[in-house]
Amino acid sequence: MPTNRNRTIIFFTVFFLLTTVTATRNWTNQTRGANMRVKHAYYSYPHRSCESFSRPYARSMCIELERIHRSSRQPLFSPPPPPTEIDLRDKENEILLREKAKVTFGLNALFGRKKSKTEEGLWIGDWNAKKSYDLMKYSIKKGHKIDSYELGNELCSSGVSARVEVKQYAKDIKKLKRVVKKLYQDEKTQPKVLGSAGFYDERWFIEFLLHSGPEVLDGLIHHIYNLGAGVDKTLINKIQDPFFLSQVAQTYKDMSNTIDRFGPWAGAWVGEAGGAYNSGGKDVSHTFANGFWYIDQLGMTSVYNHKVFCRQALVGGNYALLNTTSFIPNPDYYGALLWHRLMGSRVLRVNHNTSPYLRVYTHCARKHSGVTLVVINLSNTESYELYMEEYARNSFKKREEYHLTPTEGDIQSDVVLLNEKALRLTDFEDIPVMKPKLVDSSTSIHVKQDSIVFVSLKDFNAPACA
């Protein structure tokens, strides 16, 4: 483990792709070329219970609001006050503040533009920042904590349903930066400005950085759905194929090189990644198997100097971290939680001379001295023994191991085992205690087939982690 680079990766960011609000509290959504009135599902009255909501995220919000109302002894459903989108935004902020979530707010980048009459999908004209300005003023007034503002969604290059020319988009991102600096004058709390928010296109991204210039963009965002369509019947095979999984590394490398050469002031972000698009695979994306892709992506993006990785999604679709009906955590939730707790921001290079089905990533430990390894065994037939000879000779402490395996060996199970014990919510619906297994450091690390193992080596002396 000879070298390191100082890198930060956040395993999950709460992400809102919402349009901005006017002074009259009417919202209009033009993202991706749509033109419609937005009405949040929570306020689609009449409702008698949270179960009557059709959208999973709305039921989840309803359940949380119901809990808040119960604690204040105020009835939730009878009679409801006249609802507004502003009311919902304030309720959301209350929850996000309590959970200390980092919030990226997506702004409507098509407001003020019009469709080109000559080029399909192209939107022309300057972005109108008035509604975004009003939203920011309101957020500041109400104490909403915004980590970053992102301009639009999937408008770069050829776009998805809509696109904006690169010079125009660079002009608009500079306008957004001016608005943010005017309203958030304290640099310590000033939200970041994020741009591009689409699939990587080298030429478009380079031109965007050149035209927007230094000290404007804080994060250059790209989206990743490298597993293809969720309906692909070979999806389960792709997730277990190390050669397929490694293909996306070139995109991460190119993205990192683009920033190093043309925009070193900006960080590389994966702003949206669900593995398989169109809501993921119904028999794969919410199961243990998806962790092979997910944890591998967290490791790979760290190696290529990406600062943030935003998982699609917390609730909604087959790729959700929470079950869309019961809100019980899916296996990837626990993998993300272990990553967040154990893997620090400094990334170490690690080499091994075993099978390509064995993936290994190493970071400085998050909250203590030493290092943490994550080992992914994609093989469904072979187990491996990892032995670190020098460390084994000199270590006097037991190492901590967290072995994640599927129930009954079924990688398409939605129940994950930690050290042979099923991870289930407690009777009070809390996350269970996730205790490691203590192992003599002089022994090898046993990595079962179809498993993901986090290993904490608290007395490993890595100079880069000092």
Foldseek 3Di string as FASTA:
>chain_A
DADWDFFAEAQAAAEAAAEFADPVQWGFACALHDTDTDDDQLPPDDDDALVPGPFLVSSVLRVVVCVVCVVVVHDDRPPHDNDGPVVVVLSVLVVCVVVVGAYEYEYRQLPPWDDDPPDFQETDDAGDCVRVLVRLVVCVVSVRQHQAYEYGAQQFDSGRSHHYQLLRQLVNLQVVQVSQCVSPVPPVRGHFYEYDHEADDLVSVLSNLQNNDAPRHAAYEYEDQQLEAQVPPCSLVLLLDLVSLCPCLVVLQSQLVSCVVRNVNYAYEHPEYQNHPPQHHQQAQLFLSVVSNSVVVSQSNLVSRHHYYHYPDCEDGSNHQADSPPRWGFPVVVVSVCCVQFAARMWDDDDDDDDSQKDKTKHATHPAGAIKMKIFRSALPDKDWAADQVCLVPDPFWKWKWKWAHPVNDRSHRWIDTVNHTFGADPVRHGDDRGTDTHRNNGTDIGDHRIMMMMTDRPDDDVVND
